């Protein structure tokens, strides 16, 4: 499933399944669509989330304490497509997916209507050699990440291997850092834009305001807000605040 290459200003929201409460996942997803999010990333929690900043790490810890796991997440998502129509991607680490079973995982994604997955610690060569056929048989897009250090050759290789979008990391830092779009980042984004890749680009890490969202979408089809939204979920009456949060990021 590929995002629209010709779209502009797409907003993706990341949140952790099972946070702030065990049964809040589908309610949050539904509210995000109603509020104007264009696609979603639902994180499945893991006990050692090394690439995540403190806000998302905390949400992962709470979700695990609440009892969230992959089998339960799929159980919760079985009515996903009765309530949510925008694209949904699952994001997390490879270990729990391996424990669940790669084939089972892809089949479960297909059954509930998940469009793709983002597994940052699944090596590209391993995916290609061992798992690509399973993903493709089930119509599940595997999303790859690129950073300012990724070579042009590797970016083009990723582009050929991708079917959803390319996740552009604004830096090698953990999530949740406030990263202004510096000249070096702007040059990196411009380089990617000029490569005229077949897959849409979506920028993540450090997008937390209308200003950073607007800047990112000058170079890419979309941008992802994670930590800033997860922080909101820790506040009282968070469901009531979701519409104004989305409108604030989109500058409406």
C-alpha atoms as a PDB file:
ATOM      1  CA  UNK A   1       0.000   0.000   0.000  1.00  0.00           C
ATOM      2  CA  UNK A   2       1.645   3.239  -1.111  1.00  0.00           C
ATOM      3  CA  UNK A   3       0.815   6.699   0.143  1.00  0.00           C
ATOM      4  CA  UNK A   4      -0.030   9.215  -2.560  1.00  0.00           C
ATOM      5  CA  UNK A   5       3.243  10.382  -4.127  1.00  0.00           C
ATOM      6  CA  UNK A   6       1.556  13.613  -5.259  1.00  0.00           C
ATOM      7  CA  UNK A   7      -0.018  14.445  -1.907  1.00  0.00           C
ATOM      8  CA  UNK A   8       1.293  17.277   0.205  1.00  0.00           C
ATOM      9  CA  UNK A   9       1.076  18.133   3.870  1.00  0.00           C
ATOM     10  CA  UNK A  10       0.183  14.625   5.073  1.00  0.00           C
ATOM     11  CA  UNK A  11       0.177  14.354   8.858  1.00  0.00           C
ATOM     12  CA  UNK A  12       0.932  11.052  10.550  1.00  0.00           C
ATOM     13  CA  UNK A  13       0.517  10.566  14.287  1.00  0.00           C
ATOM     14  CA  UNK A  14       2.392   7.962  16.319  1.00  0.00           C
ATOM     15  CA  UNK A  15       1.064   6.598  19.593  1.00  0.00           C
ATOM     16  CA  UNK A  16       1.767   3.523  21.701  1.00  0.00           C
ATOM     17  CA  UNK A  17      -0.846   0.769  21.883  1.00  0.00           C
ATOM     18  CA  UNK A  18      -2.066   0.260  25.446  1.00  0.00           C
ATOM     19  CA  UNK A  19      -1.167   3.772  26.598  1.00  0.00           C
ATOM     20  CA  UNK A  20      -2.463   5.559  28.570  1.00  0.00           C
ATOM     21  CA  UNK A  21      -4.909   2.705  29.276  1.00  0.00           C
ATOM     22  CA  UNK A  22      -5.006  -0.838  27.982  1.00  0.00           C
ATOM     23  CA  UNK A  23      -8.197  -0.360  25.974  1.00  0.00           C
ATOM     24  CA  UNK A  24      -7.598   3.166  24.620  1.00  0.00           C
ATOM     25  CA  UNK A  25      -5.911   2.179  21.314  1.00  0.00           C
ATOM     26  CA  UNK A  26      -8.917   2.055  18.987  1.00  0.00           C
ATOM     27  CA  UNK A  27     -10.630   5.068  20.600  1.00  0.00           C
ATOM     28  CA  UNK A  28      -7.511   7.188  20.011  1.00  0.00           C
ATOM     29  CA  UNK A  29      -7.178   5.974  16.407  1.00  0.00           C
ATOM     30  CA  UNK A  30     -10.808   6.824  15.663  1.00  0.00           C
ATOM     31  CA  UNK A  31     -10.524  10.279  17.232  1.00  0.00           C
ATOM     32  CA  UNK A  32      -7.310  11.018  15.303  1.00  0.00           C
ATOM     33  CA  UNK A  33      -9.003  10.271  11.981  1.00  0.00           C
ATOM     34  CA  UNK A  34     -11.988  12.432  12.903  1.00  0.00           C
ATOM     35  CA  UNK A  35      -9.618  15.250  13.920  1.00  0.00           C
ATOM     36  CA  UNK A  36      -7.839  15.227  10.545  1.00  0.00           C
ATOM     37  CA  UNK A  37      -4.796  12.931  10.798  1.00  0.00           C
ATOM     38  CA  UNK A  38      -3.970  11.448   7.376  1.00  0.00           C
ATOM     39  CA  UNK A  39      -2.413   8.164   8.524  1.00  0.00           C
ATOM     40  CA  UNK A  40      -1.415   6.513  11.792  1.00  0.00           C
ATOM     41  CA  UNK A  41       1.487   4.665  13.332  1.00  0.00           C
ATOM     42  CA  UNK A  42       0.528   2.475  16.251  1.00  0.00           C
ATOM     43  CA  UNK A  43       3.521   1.381  18.288  1.00  0.00           C
ATOM     44  CA  UNK A  44       3.609  -2.021  19.945  1.00  0.00           C
ATOM     45  CA  UNK A  45       5.570  -1.709  23.212  1.00  0.00           C
ATOM     46  CA  UNK A  46       8.895  -3.395  23.914  1.00  0.00           C
ATOM     47  CA  UNK A  47      10.910  -3.662  27.111  1.00  0.00           C
ATOM     48  CA  UNK A  48      14.119  -2.256  25.594  1.00  0.00           C
ATOM     49  CA  UNK A  49      13.132   0.567  23.188  1.00  0.00           C
ATOM     50  CA  UNK A  50      16.679   1.802  22.514  1.00  0.00           C
ATOM     51  CA  UNK A  51      15.844   4.250  19.693  1.00  0.00           C
ATOM     52  CA  UNK A  52      13.048   5.998  21.571  1.00  0.00           C
ATOM     53  CA  UNK A  53      13.288   9.125  23.666  1.00  0.00           C
ATOM     54  CA  UNK A  54      12.065   9.320  27.286  1.00  0.00           C
ATOM     55  CA  UNK A  55       8.420  10.179  26.467  1.00  0.00           C
ATOM     56  CA  UNK A  56       7.862   7.176  24.192  1.00  0.00           C
ATOM     57  CA  UNK A  57       9.968   4.921  26.435  1.00  0.00           C
ATOM     58  CA  UNK A  58       7.699   5.837  29.336  1.00  0.00           C
ATOM     59  CA  UNK A  59       4.557   5.118  27.281  1.00  0.00           C
ATOM     60  CA  UNK A  60       6.016   1.734  26.356  1.00  0.00           C
ATOM     61  CA  UNK A  61       6.721   0.878  30.001  1.00  0.00           C
ATOM     62  CA  UNK A  62       3.184   1.856  31.057  1.00  0.00           C
ATOM     63  CA  UNK A  63       1.631  -0.083  28.153  1.00  0.00           C
ATOM     64  CA  UNK A  64       3.557  -3.231  29.128  1.00  0.00           C
ATOM     65  CA  UNK A  65       2.521  -2.788  32.764  1.00  0.00           C
ATOM     66  CA  UNK A  66      -1.066  -2.422  31.546  1.00  0.00           C
ATOM     67  CA  UNK A  67      -0.722  -5.823  29.849  1.00  0.00           C
ATOM     68  CA  UNK A  68      -0.343  -4.845  26.178  1.00  0.00           C
ATOM     69  CA  UNK A  69       1.265  -7.377  23.835  1.00  0.00           C
ATOM     70  CA  UNK A  70       1.028  -8.232  20.133  1.00  0.00           C
ATOM     71  CA  UNK A  71      -1.719 -10.910  20.394  1.00  0.00           C
ATOM     72  CA  UNK A  72      -3.869  -8.524  22.431  1.00  0.00           C
ATOM     73  CA  UNK A  73      -3.197  -5.661  20.018  1.00  0.00           C
ATOM     74  CA  UNK A  74      -4.462  -7.713  17.077  1.00  0.00           C
ATOM     75  CA  UNK A  75      -7.491  -8.703  19.140  1.00  0.00           C
ATOM     76  CA  UNK A  76      -8.190  -5.007  19.785  1.00  0.00           C
ATOM     77  CA  UNK A  77      -7.720  -4.149  16.106  1.00  0.00           C
ATOM     78  CA  UNK A  78     -10.117  -6.775  14.749  1.00  0.00           C
ATOM     79  CA  UNK A  79     -12.790  -4.058  14.382  1.00  0.00           C
ATOM     80  CA  UNK A  80     -10.288  -1.467  13.127  1.00  0.00           C
ATOM     81  CA  UNK A  81     -11.748  -1.116   9.639  1.00  0.00           C
ATOM     82  CA  UNK A  82     -15.281  -0.671  10.928  1.00  0.00           C
ATOM     83  CA  UNK A  83     -14.113   2.505  12.665  1.00  0.00           C
ATOM     84  CA  UNK A  84     -10.989   3.813  10.895  1.00  0.00           C
ATOM     85  CA  UNK A  85     -10.523   4.260   7.138  1.00  0.00           C
ATOM     86  CA  UNK A  86      -7.123   6.031   6.888  1.00  0.00           C
ATOM     87  CA  UNK A  87      -3.897   3.998   6.422  1.00  0.00           C
ATOM     88  CA  UNK A  88      -2.540   2.378   9.587  1.00  0.00           C
ATOM     89  CA  UNK A  89       1.030   1.179  10.136  1.00  0.00           C
ATOM     90  CA  UNK A  90       2.364  -0.755  13.115  1.00  0.00           C
ATOM     91  CA  UNK A  91       5.744   0.266  14.494  1.00  0.00           C
ATOM     92  CA  UNK A  92       8.044  -1.514  16.893  1.00  0.00           C
ATOM     93  CA  UNK A  93      11.066  -3.698  17.429  1.00  0.00           C
ATOM     94  CA  UNK A  94      11.797  -7.011  15.733  1.00  0.00           C
ATOM     95  CA  UNK A  95      12.080  -9.225  18.827  1.00  0.00           C
ATOM     96  CA  UNK A  96       8.356  -9.331  19.714  1.00  0.00           C
ATOM     97  CA  UNK A  97       7.487  -9.852  16.024  1.00  0.00           C
ATOM     98  CA  UNK A  98       9.896 -12.813  15.862  1.00  0.00           C
ATOM     99  CA  UNK A  99       8.369 -14.284  19.025  1.00  0.00           C
ATOM    100  CA  UNK A 100       4.876 -13.936  17.545  1.00  0.00           C
ATOM    101  CA  UNK A 101       6.103 -15.460  14.272  1.00  0.00           C
ATOM    102  CA  UNK A 102       6.760 -13.479  11.081  1.00  0.00           C
ATOM    103  CA  UNK A 103       4.134 -15.304   9.037  1.00  0.00           C
ATOM    104  CA  UNK A 104       1.526 -15.053  11.809  1.00  0.00           C
ATOM    105  CA  UNK A 105       2.329 -11.373  12.214  1.00  0.00           C
ATOM    106  CA  UNK A 106       1.873 -10.564   8.512  1.00  0.00           C
ATOM    107  CA  UNK A 107      -1.330 -12.630   8.320  1.00  0.00           C
ATOM    108  CA  UNK A 108      -2.717 -10.894  11.417  1.00  0.00           C
ATOM    109  CA  UNK A 109      -1.885  -7.487   9.911  1.00  0.00           C
ATOM    110  CA  UNK A 110      -3.756  -8.449   6.753  1.00  0.00           C
ATOM    111  CA  UNK A 111      -6.751  -9.812   8.690  1.00  0.00           C
ATOM    112  CA  UNK A 112      -7.289  -6.613  10.692  1.00  0.00           C
ATOM    113  CA  UNK A 113      -6.522  -4.228   7.799  1.00  0.00           C
ATOM    114  CA  UNK A 114      -3.095  -2.899   8.813  1.00  0.00           C
ATOM    115  CA  UNK A 115      -1.327  -1.518   5.724  1.00  0.00           C
ATOM    116  CA  UNK A 116       2.294  -1.861   6.699  1.00  0.00           C
ATOM    117  CA  UNK A 117       4.937  -2.041   9.399  1.00  0.00           C
ATOM    118  CA  UNK A 118       7.974  -0.082  10.525  1.00  0.00           C
ATOM    119  CA  UNK A 119      10.584  -2.247  12.259  1.00  0.00           C
ATOM    120  CA  UNK A 120      13.743  -0.115  12.557  1.00  0.00           C
ATOM    121  CA  UNK A 121      16.007  -2.946  13.794  1.00  0.00           C
ATOM    122  CA  UNK A 122      15.105  -5.430  11.020  1.00  0.00           C
ATOM    123  CA  UNK A 123      18.173  -5.380   8.715  1.00  0.00           C
ATOM    124  CA  UNK A 124      17.372  -4.741   5.065  1.00  0.00           C
ATOM    125  CA  UNK A 125      19.303  -7.772   3.767  1.00  0.00           C
ATOM    126  CA  UNK A 126      17.546 -10.045   6.314  1.00  0.00           C
ATOM    127  CA  UNK A 127      14.146  -8.728   5.231  1.00  0.00           C
ATOM    128  CA  UNK A 128      15.019  -9.215   1.577  1.00  0.00           C
ATOM    129  CA  UNK A 129      16.507 -12.714   1.953  1.00  0.00           C
ATOM    130  CA  UNK A 130      14.177 -14.218   4.554  1.00  0.00           C
ATOM    131  CA  UNK A 131      10.903 -12.342   4.895  1.00  0.00           C
ATOM    132  CA  UNK A 132      10.109 -10.287   1.795  1.00  0.00           C
ATOM    133  CA  UNK A 133       7.924 -12.969   0.192  1.00  0.00           C
ATOM    134  CA  UNK A 134       5.839 -13.350   3.361  1.00  0.00           C
ATOM    135  CA  UNK A 135       5.247  -9.590   3.584  1.00  0.00           C
ATOM    136  CA  UNK A 136       4.377  -9.305  -0.105  1.00  0.00           C
ATOM    137  CA  UNK A 137       2.069 -12.353  -0.110  1.00  0.00           C
ATOM    138  CA  UNK A 138       0.023 -10.644   2.606  1.00  0.00           C
ATOM    139  CA  UNK A 139       0.156  -7.188   1.000  1.00  0.00           C
ATOM    140  CA  UNK A 140       2.035  -5.672   3.940  1.00  0.00           C
ATOM    141  CA  UNK A 141       4.430  -2.792   3.207  1.00  0.00           C
ATOM    142  CA  UNK A 142       7.726  -2.852   5.098  1.00  0.00           C
ATOM    143  CA  UNK A 143       8.872   0.721   5.699  1.00  0.00           C
ATOM    144  CA  UNK A 144      12.597   1.479   5.676  1.00  0.00           C
ATOM    145  CA  UNK A 145      14.344   4.375   7.385  1.00  0.00           C
ATOM    146  CA  UNK A 146      17.014   6.677   5.979  1.00  0.00           C
ATOM    147  CA  UNK A 147      19.237   9.116   7.892  1.00  0.00           C
ATOM    148  CA  UNK A 148      21.625  11.913   6.838  1.00  0.00           C
ATOM    149  CA  UNK A 149      24.356   9.223   6.835  1.00  0.00           C
ATOM    150  CA  UNK A 150      22.570   6.908   4.368  1.00  0.00           C
ATOM    151  CA  UNK A 151      24.401   6.755   1.027  1.00  0.00           C
ATOM    152  CA  UNK A 152      22.643   7.679  -2.194  1.00  0.00           C
ATOM    153  CA  UNK A 153      23.182   4.137  -3.474  1.00  0.00           C
ATOM    154  CA  UNK A 154      21.461   2.654  -0.420  1.00  0.00           C
ATOM    155  CA  UNK A 155      18.603   5.187  -0.632  1.00  0.00           C
ATOM    156  CA  UNK A 156      17.903   4.121  -4.232  1.00  0.00           C
ATOM    157  CA  UNK A 157      18.081   0.465  -3.191  1.00  0.00           C
ATOM    158  CA  UNK A 158      15.567   1.151  -0.401  1.00  0.00           C
ATOM    159  CA  UNK A 159      13.345   2.999  -2.861  1.00  0.00           C
ATOM    160  CA  UNK A 160      13.266  -0.048  -5.150  1.00  0.00           C
ATOM    161  CA  UNK A 161      12.472  -2.334  -2.214  1.00  0.00           C
ATOM    162  CA  UNK A 162       9.737  -0.115  -0.762  1.00  0.00           C
ATOM    163  CA  UNK A 163       5.997  -0.120  -1.411  1.00  0.00           C
ATOM    164  CA  UNK A 164       4.599   2.349   1.147  1.00  0.00           C
ATOM    165  CA  UNK A 165       6.780   5.349   1.878  1.00  0.00           C
ATOM    166  CA  UNK A 166      10.329   6.109   2.974  1.00  0.00           C
ATOM    167  CA  UNK A 167      10.703   7.177   6.595  1.00  0.00           C
ATOM    168  CA  UNK A 168      13.212  10.039   6.671  1.00  0.00           C
ATOM    169  CA  UNK A 169      14.931  10.528  10.022  1.00  0.00           C
ATOM    170  CA  UNK A 170      15.874  14.143  10.566  1.00  0.00           C
ATOM    171  CA  UNK A 171      18.885  13.041  12.622  1.00  0.00           C
ATOM    172  CA  UNK A 172      20.512  10.048  14.296  1.00  0.00           C
ATOM    173  CA  UNK A 173      19.239  11.221  17.696  1.00  0.00           C
ATOM    174  CA  UNK A 174      16.546   9.406  19.661  1.00  0.00           C
ATOM    175  CA  UNK A 175      12.934  10.439  19.190  1.00  0.00           C
ATOM    176  CA  UNK A 176      11.526  13.411  21.024  1.00  0.00           C
ATOM    177  CA  UNK A 177      14.471  15.769  20.555  1.00  0.00           C
ATOM    178  CA  UNK A 178      13.512  19.242  19.440  1.00  0.00           C
ATOM    179  CA  UNK A 179      15.337  19.392  16.147  1.00  0.00           C
ATOM    180  CA  UNK A 180      15.200  22.613  14.245  1.00  0.00           C
ATOM    181  CA  UNK A 181      15.566  22.314  10.496  1.00  0.00           C
ATOM    182  CA  UNK A 182      19.133  23.553  10.254  1.00  0.00           C
ATOM    183  CA  UNK A 183      20.887  24.346   7.006  1.00  0.00           C
ATOM    184  CA  UNK A 184      22.555  20.913   6.973  1.00  0.00           C
ATOM    185  CA  UNK A 185      19.165  19.190   7.458  1.00  0.00           C
ATOM    186  CA  UNK A 186      17.597  21.364   4.776  1.00  0.00           C
ATOM    187  CA  UNK A 187      20.355  20.390   2.352  1.00  0.00           C
ATOM    188  CA  UNK A 188      19.794  16.706   3.175  1.00  0.00           C
ATOM    189  CA  UNK A 189      16.024  17.030   2.637  1.00  0.00           C
ATOM    190  CA  UNK A 190      16.581  18.885  -0.612  1.00  0.00           C
ATOM    191  CA  UNK A 191      18.937  16.150  -1.816  1.00  0.00           C
ATOM    192  CA  UNK A 192      16.270  13.520  -1.160  1.00  0.00           C
ATOM    193  CA  UNK A 193      13.616  15.611  -2.873  1.00  0.00           C
ATOM    194  CA  UNK A 194      15.876  16.119  -5.913  1.00  0.00           C
ATOM    195  CA  UNK A 195      16.473  12.351  -6.205  1.00  0.00           C
ATOM    196  CA  UNK A 196      12.872  12.054  -7.470  1.00  0.00           C
ATOM    197  CA  UNK A 197      12.281   8.728  -5.737  1.00  0.00           C
ATOM    198  CA  UNK A 198       9.233   6.649  -6.656  1.00  0.00           C
ATOM    199  CA  UNK A 199       8.077   6.414  -3.034  1.00  0.00           C
ATOM    200  CA  UNK A 200       6.692   9.330  -1.014  1.00  0.00           C
ATOM    201  CA  UNK A 201       8.960  10.794   1.680  1.00  0.00           C
ATOM    202  CA  UNK A 202       7.743  11.210   5.254  1.00  0.00           C
ATOM    203  CA  UNK A 203       9.927  13.040   7.775  1.00  0.00           C
ATOM    204  CA  UNK A 204       9.984  11.938  11.408  1.00  0.00           C
ATOM    205  CA  UNK A 205      11.740  12.847  14.691  1.00  0.00           C
ATOM    206  CA  UNK A 206      11.510  16.385  16.036  1.00  0.00           C
ATOM    207  CA  UNK A 207       8.193  17.375  14.457  1.00  0.00           C
ATOM    208  CA  UNK A 208       6.156  18.940  17.248  1.00  0.00           C
ATOM    209  CA  UNK A 209       4.592  22.194  16.046  1.00  0.00           C
ATOM    210  CA  UNK A 210       2.941  23.859  13.057  1.00  0.00           C
ATOM    211  CA  UNK A 211       6.306  25.467  12.262  1.00  0.00           C
ATOM    212  CA  UNK A 212       8.327  22.223  12.194  1.00  0.00           C
ATOM    213  CA  UNK A 213       5.511  20.406  10.361  1.00  0.00           C
ATOM    214  CA  UNK A 214       5.284  23.098   7.691  1.00  0.00           C
ATOM    215  CA  UNK A 215       9.061  23.165   7.223  1.00  0.00           C
ATOM    216  CA  UNK A 216       9.266  19.384   6.886  1.00  0.00           C
ATOM    217  CA  UNK A 217       6.454  19.236   4.337  1.00  0.00           C
ATOM    218  CA  UNK A 218       8.233  21.726   2.087  1.00  0.00           C
ATOM    219  CA  UNK A 219      10.560  18.830   1.278  1.00  0.00           C
ATOM    220  CA  UNK A 220       8.431  15.737   1.831  1.00  0.00           C
ATOM    221  CA  UNK A 221       4.882  14.537   1.233  1.00  0.00           C
ATOM    222  CA  UNK A 222       4.293  14.220   4.960  1.00  0.00           C
ATOM    223  CA  UNK A 223       5.655  14.341   8.493  1.00  0.00           C
ATOM    224  CA  UNK A 224       5.204  12.305  11.668  1.00  0.00           C
ATOM    225  CA  UNK A 225       4.429  13.650  15.132  1.00  0.00           C
ATOM    226  CA  UNK A 226       5.249  11.203  17.928  1.00  0.00           C
ATOM    227  CA  UNK A 227       6.558  12.392  21.288  1.00  0.00           C
ATOM    228  CA  UNK A 228       4.514  15.612  21.348  1.00  0.00           C
ATOM    229  CA  UNK A 229       1.301  13.622  20.877  1.00  0.00           C
ATOM    230  CA  UNK A 230       2.256  10.861  23.337  1.00  0.00           C
ATOM    231  CA  UNK A 231       2.933  13.611  25.887  1.00  0.00           C
ATOM    232  CA  UNK A 232      -0.630  14.877  25.338  1.00  0.00           C
ATOM    233  CA  UNK A 233      -1.978  11.393  26.122  1.00  0.00           C
ATOM    234  CA  UNK A 234      -0.513  11.717  29.616  1.00  0.00           C
ATOM    235  CA  UNK A 235      -2.739  14.720  30.363  1.00  0.00           C
ATOM    236  CA  UNK A 236      -6.229  14.666  31.916  1.00  0.00           C
ATOM    237  CA  UNK A 237      -9.109  14.679  29.391  1.00  0.00           C
ATOM    238  CA  UNK A 238      -6.673  13.882  26.570  1.00  0.00           C
ATOM    239  CA  UNK A 239      -9.432  12.706  24.197  1.00  0.00           C
ATOM    240  CA  UNK A 240     -11.062  16.149  24.284  1.00  0.00           C
ATOM    241  CA  UNK A 241      -7.729  17.762  23.412  1.00  0.00           C
ATOM    242  CA  UNK A 242      -6.953  15.685  20.304  1.00  0.00           C
ATOM    243  CA  UNK A 243      -8.900  17.830  17.771  1.00  0.00           C
ATOM    244  CA  UNK A 244      -7.206  21.095  18.781  1.00  0.00           C
ATOM    245  CA  UNK A 245      -3.800  19.349  18.853  1.00  0.00           C
ATOM    246  CA  UNK A 246      -4.208  18.160  15.245  1.00  0.00           C
ATOM    247  CA  UNK A 247      -5.524  21.535  14.095  1.00  0.00           C
ATOM    248  CA  UNK A 248      -2.581  23.220  15.825  1.00  0.00           C
ATOM    249  CA  UNK A 249      -0.005  21.046  14.014  1.00  0.00           C
ATOM    250  CA  UNK A 250      -1.730  21.526  10.660  1.00  0.00           C
ATOM    251  CA  UNK A 251      -1.930  25.272  11.292  1.00  0.00           C
ATOM    252  CA  UNK A 252      -5.710  25.380  10.898  1.00  0.00           C
END
